[in-house]
Amino acid sequence: MTHKREIQGKVVTIAGEKTVSIVVERRVMHPRYHKVVKRFKKYLVHDERNEVKVGDEIIAIECRPLSKTKSFRLKTVVSGAE
């Protein structure tokens, strides 16, 4: 059985039919200044039932490539938009 990556991020845009764009934040130590800095990356996530809204915190799981840039699908909604 293969290991599927799980990412957690905040929905920033509805990128079309059944697709949302999320931003994932990670904290890394700067190599020279030894200070914790934030790094961001955007992912496209497949949302089959169009159930998430902008501002929701979600967990996405890796899957087969669904398009050129979309390789994650929605697993759960952690918290709704405030």
C-alpha atoms as a PDB file:
ATOM      1  CA  MET A   1       0.000   0.000   0.000  1.00  0.00           C
ATOM      2  CA  THR A   2       1.307   3.429  -0.907  1.00  0.00           C
ATOM      3  CA  HIS A   3       1.646   6.327   1.500  1.00  0.00           C
ATOM      4  CA  LYS A   4      -0.611   9.270   0.631  1.00  0.00           C
ATOM      5  CA  ARG A   5       0.494  12.737   1.686  1.00  0.00           C
ATOM      6  CA  GLU A   6      -1.981  14.814   3.658  1.00  0.00           C
ATOM      7  CA  ILE A   7      -1.819  18.591   3.631  1.00  0.00           C
ATOM      8  CA  GLN A   8      -3.759  21.084   5.726  1.00  0.00           C
ATOM      9  CA  GLY A   9      -4.428  24.594   4.539  1.00  0.00           C
ATOM     10  CA  LYS A  10      -6.840  27.477   4.177  1.00  0.00           C
ATOM     11  CA  VAL A  11      -9.058  27.927   1.121  1.00  0.00           C
ATOM     12  CA  VAL A  12      -8.149  31.174  -0.636  1.00  0.00           C
ATOM     13  CA  THR A  13     -10.121  30.960  -3.907  1.00  0.00           C
ATOM     14  CA  ILE A  14     -12.756  28.901  -5.652  1.00  0.00           C
ATOM     15  CA  ALA A  15     -10.777  28.034  -8.776  1.00  0.00           C
ATOM     16  CA  GLY A  16     -13.631  26.789 -10.953  1.00  0.00           C
ATOM     17  CA  GLU A  17     -16.140  23.956 -10.969  1.00  0.00           C
ATOM     18  CA  LYS A  18     -15.217  21.378  -8.271  1.00  0.00           C
ATOM     19  CA  THR A  19     -11.805  22.957  -7.648  1.00  0.00           C
ATOM     20  CA  VAL A  20     -10.508  25.074  -4.777  1.00  0.00           C
ATOM     21  CA  SER A  21      -7.122  26.656  -4.223  1.00  0.00           C
ATOM     22  CA  ILE A  22      -5.553  26.327  -0.771  1.00  0.00           C
ATOM     23  CA  VAL A  23      -2.465  27.867   0.765  1.00  0.00           C
ATOM     24  CA  VAL A  24      -0.288  25.706   3.029  1.00  0.00           C
ATOM     25  CA  GLU A  25       2.002  27.404   5.543  1.00  0.00           C
ATOM     26  CA  ARG A  26       5.105  25.782   6.996  1.00  0.00           C
ATOM     27  CA  ARG A  27       7.691  27.155   9.381  1.00  0.00           C
ATOM     28  CA  VAL A  28      11.383  26.625   8.706  1.00  0.00           C
ATOM     29  CA  MET A  29      14.609  27.797  10.308  1.00  0.00           C
ATOM     30  CA  HIS A  30      16.467  30.365   8.219  1.00  0.00           C
ATOM     31  CA  PRO A  31      19.920  28.942   7.388  1.00  0.00           C
ATOM     32  CA  ARG A  32      21.884  32.133   8.088  1.00  0.00           C
ATOM     33  CA  TYR A  33      19.834  34.072  10.641  1.00  0.00           C
ATOM     34  CA  HIS A  34      18.531  31.087  12.641  1.00  0.00           C
ATOM     35  CA  LYS A  35      15.090  32.617  12.890  1.00  0.00           C
ATOM     36  CA  VAL A  36      11.835  30.792  12.213  1.00  0.00           C
ATOM     37  CA  VAL A  37      10.297  32.077   8.972  1.00  0.00           C
ATOM     38  CA  LYS A  38       7.072  31.173   7.187  1.00  0.00           C
ATOM     39  CA  ARG A  39       7.001  29.542   3.775  1.00  0.00           C
ATOM     40  CA  PHE A  40       3.804  29.303   1.696  1.00  0.00           C
ATOM     41  CA  LYS A  41       2.714  27.105  -1.186  1.00  0.00           C
ATOM     42  CA  LYS A  42      -0.569  26.908  -3.098  1.00  0.00           C
ATOM     43  CA  TYR A  43      -2.237  23.665  -4.155  1.00  0.00           C
ATOM     44  CA  LEU A  44      -5.336  22.927  -6.232  1.00  0.00           C
ATOM     45  CA  VAL A  45      -7.737  20.524  -4.521  1.00  0.00           C
ATOM     46  CA  HIS A  46     -10.622  18.581  -6.053  1.00  0.00           C
ATOM     47  CA  ASP A  47     -13.935  19.205  -4.233  1.00  0.00           C
ATOM     48  CA  GLU A  48     -16.452  16.784  -5.751  1.00  0.00           C
ATOM     49  CA  ARG A  49     -19.556  18.148  -3.962  1.00  0.00           C
ATOM     50  CA  ASN A  50     -18.646  21.875  -3.933  1.00  0.00           C
ATOM     51  CA  GLU A  51     -18.968  21.960  -0.144  1.00  0.00           C
ATOM     52  CA  VAL A  52     -16.139  24.302   0.898  1.00  0.00           C
ATOM     53  CA  LYS A  53     -16.118  28.094   0.949  1.00  0.00           C
ATOM     54  CA  VAL A  54     -13.358  30.699   1.023  1.00  0.00           C
ATOM     55  CA  GLY A  55     -11.807  30.827   4.492  1.00  0.00           C
ATOM     56  CA  ASP A  56     -12.432  27.174   5.405  1.00  0.00           C
ATOM     57  CA  GLU A  57      -9.572  25.144   6.885  1.00  0.00           C
ATOM     58  CA  ILE A  58      -9.386  21.768   5.126  1.00  0.00           C
ATOM     59  CA  ILE A  59      -7.345  18.574   4.947  1.00  0.00           C
ATOM     60  CA  ALA A  60      -6.539  17.249   1.472  1.00  0.00           C
ATOM     61  CA  ILE A  61      -5.120  13.848   0.538  1.00  0.00           C
ATOM     62  CA  GLU A  62      -2.887  13.015  -2.398  1.00  0.00           C
ATOM     63  CA  CYS A  63      -4.434  11.112  -5.298  1.00  0.00           C
ATOM     64  CA  ARG A  64      -3.751  10.340  -8.935  1.00  0.00           C
ATOM     65  CA  PRO A  65      -3.309  13.402 -11.171  1.00  0.00           C
ATOM     66  CA  LEU A  66      -6.763  14.759 -11.982  1.00  0.00           C
ATOM     67  CA  SER A  67      -5.418  17.463 -14.304  1.00  0.00           C
ATOM     68  CA  LYS A  68      -2.106  19.105 -15.149  1.00  0.00           C
ATOM     69  CA  THR A  69      -1.856  20.848 -11.759  1.00  0.00           C
ATOM     70  CA  LYS A  70      -4.434  19.069  -9.558  1.00  0.00           C
ATOM     71  CA  SER A  71      -3.271  15.998  -7.581  1.00  0.00           C
ATOM     72  CA  PHE A  72      -5.107  16.361  -4.258  1.00  0.00           C
ATOM     73  CA  ARG A  73      -8.711  15.706  -3.260  1.00  0.00           C
ATOM     74  CA  LEU A  74     -10.708  16.922  -0.290  1.00  0.00           C
ATOM     75  CA  LYS A  75     -10.634  14.677   2.772  1.00  0.00           C
ATOM     76  CA  THR A  76     -12.315  16.702   5.530  1.00  0.00           C
ATOM     77  CA  VAL A  77     -13.258  20.253   6.468  1.00  0.00           C
ATOM     78  CA  VAL A  78     -11.510  21.068   9.767  1.00  0.00           C
ATOM     79  CA  SER A  79     -13.231  24.383  10.481  1.00  0.00           C
ATOM     80  CA  GLY A  80     -15.607  26.646   8.629  1.00  0.00           C
ATOM     81  CA  ALA A  81     -15.057  30.266   7.668  1.00  0.00           C
ATOM     82  CA  GLU A  82     -15.619  32.774  10.437  1.00  0.00           C
END
